[in-house]
Amino acid sequence: MSDQTIRSRSNDKAATHPEALSGKKLITVASGKGGVGKTWFAITLSHALAQAGRKVLLFDGDLGLANIDIQLGLNPSHDLSEAVLGTKRFDQVVTKSPDTGFDIVAGRSGSARMVNIRHDQISLLRHGLLAAGQVYDHVVLDLGAGVDRSIRGLAANAGPTMVVTTEEPTAITDAYALIKLLHGDRPGGDYRVVVNMCGGRAEGERTFAKLSTACENFLKVKPRLAGIITRDPNVNDTIRRQTPMLKRHPLSPAAEDVARIARTLIAEST
């Protein structure tokens, strides 16, 4: 099946569902740099939403360096590249995650074709994500770290964008750069900051204040604080063991912090 055929089907389906096209159900998780726990957060947030009874799809948008399936210990039969190449429809590359209760669209790690994805293919993926809003309560989009064209193209939606950072000055600077570019593409977007791996709430609030002040002074953008996630040794344990945080350490501080963010999103969507 050709890209054009799939694109036509996606457009027709989305056009008949204005709510899906609005993107309100689409939650983007992004970061300016790697190593801040973005993918772990996307997985744990999706799990928390699913545990609360929501139907969730987690989409691995880290084109070329996908690893959601690895962190979950899954071996999907299908992946995103098949939808991009036109051999499968978007809904046919969805994989069940039995340990979490949410579905995933796995990426293809190490694929030059995915790294060099064309603009029309990005548009096709966006329509697939928006059309998924007909079926799911929340679609969580885990973007690759950075600010290249493909990442920004997938992030062009009307839902909240969760920008994950840490207390490190380089992480704050890169988070600001990401918000700047996303704001240039989509003025008036709903930008929210997740401060990860914090020594305490006071440290997290100071980190957010630095980033927020820079955004307000130079961009005239006022991001919201989505949440502060405590530094927790259980996070590394779950990643090493390829086990979801809320399954292995459901009562740990970091798990409870993410669950709190999930509850806020659910309250806003009902």
Protein backbone atom coordinates (compact mmCIF):
# COMPACT_ATOMS: atom_id res chain seq x y z
CA MET A 1 0.00 0.00 0.00
CA SER A 2 1.43 3.41 -0.96
CA ASP A 3 2.09 6.44 1.29
CA GLN A 4 -0.53 8.34 -0.70
CA THR A 5 -3.21 5.71 -0.03
CA ILE A 6 -2.53 5.66 3.71
CA ARG A 7 -2.39 9.44 3.84
CA SER A 8 -5.75 9.66 2.13
CA ARG A 9 -7.32 7.22 4.58
CA SER A 10 -5.85 9.04 7.56
CA ASN A 11 -7.06 12.41 6.28
CA ASP A 12 -10.57 11.09 5.60
CA LYS A 13 -10.80 9.49 9.02
CA ALA A 14 -9.51 12.54 10.86
CA ALA A 15 -11.66 14.94 8.86
CA THR A 16 -14.80 13.19 10.07
CA HIS A 17 -13.76 13.56 13.70
CA PRO A 18 -13.11 17.22 14.60
CA GLU A 19 -12.25 16.28 18.18
CA ALA A 20 -9.44 14.01 16.97
CA LEU A 21 -8.03 16.76 14.78
CA SER A 22 -8.00 19.21 17.67
CA GLY A 23 -5.13 17.27 19.25
CA LYS A 24 -6.44 17.87 22.76
CA LYS A 25 -5.82 14.24 23.69
CA LEU A 26 -2.23 14.36 22.46
CA ILE A 27 0.40 14.73 25.21
CA THR A 28 3.89 15.46 23.90
CA VAL A 29 6.91 14.58 26.05
CA ALA A 30 10.09 16.36 24.92
CA SER A 31 13.51 17.47 26.13
CA GLY A 32 16.29 19.68 24.84
CA LYS A 33 18.97 17.08 25.56
CA GLY A 34 19.33 13.39 26.35
CA GLY A 35 19.94 11.93 29.78
CA VAL A 36 17.15 13.75 31.61
CA GLY A 37 14.82 10.74 31.91
CA LYS A 38 12.38 11.74 29.18
CA THR A 39 11.51 8.26 27.91
CA TRP A 40 11.27 6.83 31.43
CA PHE A 41 8.85 9.63 32.26
CA ALA A 42 6.76 9.02 29.12
CA ILE A 43 6.47 5.32 29.96
CA THR A 44 5.65 5.91 33.62
CA LEU A 45 3.12 8.63 32.81
CA SER A 46 1.38 6.35 30.30
CA HIS A 47 1.30 3.58 32.91
CA ALA A 48 -0.14 5.90 35.56
CA LEU A 49 -2.87 7.05 33.18
CA ALA A 50 -3.69 3.43 32.30
CA GLN A 51 -3.82 2.43 35.97
CA ALA A 52 -6.39 5.19 36.48
CA GLY A 53 -8.65 3.48 33.94
CA ARG A 54 -7.72 5.54 30.88
CA LYS A 55 -7.13 4.01 27.46
CA VAL A 56 -3.62 5.07 26.44
CA LEU A 57 -1.38 4.82 23.37
CA LEU A 58 2.35 5.54 23.80
CA PHE A 59 4.05 6.50 20.53
CA ASP A 60 7.85 6.27 20.23
CA GLY A 61 8.71 9.37 18.23
CA ASP A 62 12.47 9.17 18.85
CA LEU A 63 13.06 8.62 15.15
CA GLY A 64 16.16 6.49 14.56
CA LEU A 65 17.00 6.04 18.27
CA ALA A 66 13.82 4.46 19.57
CA ASN A 67 14.01 2.55 22.86
CA ILE A 68 10.58 2.39 24.50
CA ASP A 69 10.29 -1.30 23.62
CA ILE A 70 13.71 -1.95 25.18
CA GLN A 71 12.83 -0.22 28.44
CA LEU A 72 9.62 -2.27 28.60
CA GLY A 73 11.35 -5.54 27.69
CA LEU A 74 9.15 -6.01 24.61
CA ASN A 75 9.91 -7.51 21.21
CA PRO A 76 7.23 -6.00 18.93
CA SER A 77 6.27 -7.80 15.73
CA HIS A 78 5.72 -4.48 13.97
CA ASP A 79 7.17 -0.98 14.27
CA LEU A 80 6.75 2.57 13.06
CA SER A 81 8.93 2.11 9.97
CA GLU A 82 6.28 -0.11 8.39
CA ALA A 83 3.70 2.66 8.63
CA VAL A 84 6.19 5.15 7.20
CA LEU A 85 7.07 2.84 4.29
CA GLY A 86 3.39 2.13 3.61
CA THR A 87 3.48 -1.64 4.19
CA LYS A 88 1.15 -1.35 7.21
CA ARG A 89 -1.55 1.06 8.35
CA PHE A 90 -0.82 3.09 11.47
CA ASP A 91 -3.27 1.04 13.54
CA GLN A 92 -1.62 -2.20 12.38
CA VAL A 93 1.71 -1.39 14.03
CA VAL A 94 0.21 -0.99 17.52
CA THR A 95 1.60 -3.43 20.12
CA LYS A 96 0.00 -4.39 23.43
CA SER A 97 2.08 -3.90 26.57
CA PRO A 98 0.69 -6.62 28.88
CA ASP A 99 2.53 -5.44 32.02
CA THR A 100 1.18 -1.90 31.82
CA GLY A 101 -2.27 -1.98 30.20
CA PHE A 102 -1.42 0.60 27.55
CA ASP A 103 -0.59 0.18 23.86
CA ILE A 104 2.59 1.28 22.13
CA VAL A 105 3.78 2.12 18.64
CA ALA A 106 7.43 1.08 18.71
CA GLY A 107 10.09 2.87 16.70
CA ARG A 108 13.00 1.46 14.69
CA SER A 109 16.37 2.07 16.31
CA GLY A 110 19.39 2.67 14.09
CA SER A 111 17.36 3.27 10.92
CA ALA A 112 18.81 5.91 8.59
CA ARG A 113 15.49 5.94 6.75
CA MET A 114 13.70 7.02 9.93
CA VAL A 115 16.29 9.69 10.75
CA ASN A 116 15.92 11.16 7.25
CA ILE A 117 12.13 10.95 7.17
CA ARG A 118 10.45 13.22 4.62
CA HIS A 119 8.08 16.07 5.41
CA ASP A 120 5.10 14.26 3.86
CA GLN A 121 5.86 11.20 6.00
CA ILE A 122 5.92 13.36 9.13
CA SER A 123 2.52 14.70 8.11
CA LEU A 124 1.28 11.14 7.67
CA LEU A 125 2.43 10.19 11.17
CA ARG A 126 0.76 13.26 12.66
CA HIS A 127 -2.54 12.33 11.04
CA GLY A 128 -2.17 8.81 12.44
CA LEU A 129 -1.63 10.19 15.92
CA LEU A 130 -4.58 12.55 15.67
CA ALA A 131 -6.83 9.81 14.31
CA ALA A 132 -5.83 7.65 17.30
CA GLY A 133 -7.65 10.20 19.45
CA GLN A 134 -10.89 8.55 18.29
CA VAL A 135 -9.89 5.32 20.04
CA TYR A 136 -7.77 6.42 23.01
CA ASP A 137 -8.35 8.75 25.94
CA HIS A 138 -4.71 9.87 25.80
CA VAL A 139 -2.01 9.56 23.15
CA VAL A 140 1.46 10.12 24.66
CA LEU A 141 4.11 11.12 22.11
CA ASP A 142 7.70 10.52 23.26
CA LEU A 143 9.86 12.75 21.06
CA GLY A 144 13.58 12.36 20.52
CA ALA A 145 15.83 14.70 22.47
CA GLY A 146 16.76 17.83 20.56
CA VAL A 147 15.22 20.32 18.22
CA ASP A 148 15.58 19.05 14.63
CA ARG A 149 12.94 19.44 11.92
CA SER A 150 11.32 16.02 12.32
CA ILE A 151 10.94 16.43 16.08
CA ARG A 152 9.35 19.84 15.73
CA GLY A 153 7.02 18.58 12.98
CA LEU A 154 5.63 15.83 15.22
CA ALA A 155 5.26 18.27 18.12
CA ALA A 156 2.94 20.60 16.20
CA ASN A 157 -0.24 19.68 18.06
CA ALA A 158 -2.76 21.49 20.24
CA GLY A 159 -2.28 19.41 23.39
CA PRO A 160 0.14 19.96 26.28
CA THR A 161 3.88 19.65 25.67
CA MET A 162 5.75 18.31 28.70
CA VAL A 163 9.33 19.60 28.60
CA VAL A 164 11.51 17.41 30.82
CA THR A 165 14.63 18.93 32.39
CA THR A 166 16.87 18.52 35.42
CA GLU A 167 18.70 20.88 37.75
CA GLU A 168 21.80 20.86 35.52
CA PRO A 169 22.48 24.25 33.85
CA THR A 170 22.95 22.60 30.43
CA ALA A 171 19.59 20.84 30.74
CA ILE A 172 17.86 24.12 31.65
CA THR A 173 19.52 25.93 28.74
CA ASP A 174 18.53 23.21 26.28
CA ALA A 175 14.97 23.12 27.63
CA TYR A 176 14.75 26.88 27.01
CA ALA A 177 16.07 26.43 23.45
CA LEU A 178 13.46 23.74 22.79
CA ILE A 179 10.59 25.91 24.06
CA LYS A 180 11.89 28.80 21.96
CA LEU A 181 11.82 26.77 18.75
CA LEU A 182 8.50 25.10 19.50
CA HIS A 183 6.99 28.49 20.33
CA GLY A 184 8.26 29.81 17.00
CA ASP A 185 6.46 26.96 15.24
CA ARG A 186 3.34 27.15 17.39
CA PRO A 187 2.82 30.43 19.28
CA GLY A 188 0.49 30.13 22.22
CA GLY A 189 1.24 26.44 22.84
CA ASP A 190 0.57 24.75 26.17
CA TYR A 191 4.12 24.28 27.52
CA ARG A 192 4.63 22.58 30.86
CA VAL A 193 7.87 21.81 32.67
CA VAL A 194 8.71 18.54 34.42
CA VAL A 195 11.78 18.87 36.64
CA ASN A 196 13.22 15.37 37.01
CA MET A 197 15.78 13.83 39.38
CA CYS A 198 15.44 16.55 42.03
CA GLY A 199 17.01 16.44 45.45
CA GLY A 200 13.84 17.99 46.85
CA ARG A 201 10.87 20.19 46.04
CA ALA A 202 12.73 23.41 46.81
CA GLU A 203 15.45 22.54 44.30
CA GLY A 204 12.82 21.69 41.70
CA GLU A 205 10.99 24.96 42.22
CA ARG A 206 14.24 26.93 41.85
CA THR A 207 15.02 25.10 38.61
CA PHE A 208 11.55 25.83 37.24
CA ALA A 209 11.83 29.49 38.30
CA LYS A 210 15.08 29.89 36.32
CA LEU A 211 13.58 28.39 33.19
CA SER A 212 10.25 30.17 33.57
CA THR A 213 11.91 33.56 34.10
CA ALA A 214 14.01 33.16 30.95
CA CYS A 215 10.93 32.17 28.94
CA GLU A 216 8.89 35.10 30.22
CA ASN A 217 11.64 37.69 29.76
CA PHE A 218 12.85 36.68 26.31
CA LEU A 219 9.97 34.77 24.72
CA LYS A 220 6.96 36.27 26.47
CA VAL A 221 5.93 32.68 27.20
CA LYS A 222 4.82 31.56 30.64
CA PRO A 223 5.19 27.77 30.98
CA ARG A 224 3.41 25.90 33.74
CA LEU A 225 5.06 23.63 36.29
CA ALA A 226 3.68 20.19 35.50
CA GLY A 227 5.49 18.52 38.37
CA ILE A 228 8.69 17.79 40.26
CA ILE A 229 10.04 14.23 40.33
CA THR A 230 12.28 13.22 43.22
CA ARG A 231 15.68 11.64 42.59
CA ASP A 232 15.02 7.95 43.21
CA PRO A 233 17.48 5.02 42.93
CA ASN A 234 14.56 2.77 42.00
CA VAL A 235 14.40 4.44 38.58
CA ASN A 236 17.76 3.02 37.48
CA ASP A 237 16.76 -0.36 38.87
CA THR A 238 13.63 -0.49 36.73
CA ILE A 239 15.52 0.59 33.58
CA ARG A 240 18.21 -2.06 34.11
CA ARG A 241 15.60 -4.74 34.66
CA GLN A 242 13.42 -3.52 31.75
CA THR A 243 10.42 -3.42 34.08
CA PRO A 244 7.85 -0.61 34.43
CA MET A 245 8.34 1.57 37.51
CA LEU A 246 4.74 1.29 38.64
CA LYS A 247 4.96 -2.50 38.52
CA ARG A 248 8.28 -2.98 40.32
CA HIS A 249 8.30 0.01 42.71
CA PRO A 250 4.74 1.38 42.70
CA LEU A 251 5.08 3.18 46.05
CA SER A 252 8.46 4.77 45.46
CA PRO A 253 8.72 8.59 45.61
CA ALA A 254 9.30 9.05 41.87
CA ALA A 255 6.33 6.79 41.02
CA GLU A 256 4.04 8.84 43.25
CA ASP A 257 5.32 12.08 41.72
CA VAL A 258 4.43 10.89 38.19
CA ALA A 259 1.05 9.59 39.36
CA ARG A 260 0.33 13.08 40.67
CA ILE A 261 1.02 14.57 37.23
CA ALA A 262 -1.25 11.96 35.67
CA ARG A 263 -4.09 12.84 38.00
CA THR A 264 -3.85 16.49 36.94
CA LEU A 265 -4.06 15.54 33.26
CA ILE A 266 -7.06 13.31 33.89
CA ALA A 267 -8.85 16.04 35.84
CA GLU A 268 -8.31 18.47 32.97
CA SER A 269 -9.65 16.04 30.39
CA THR A 270 -12.91 15.19 32.17
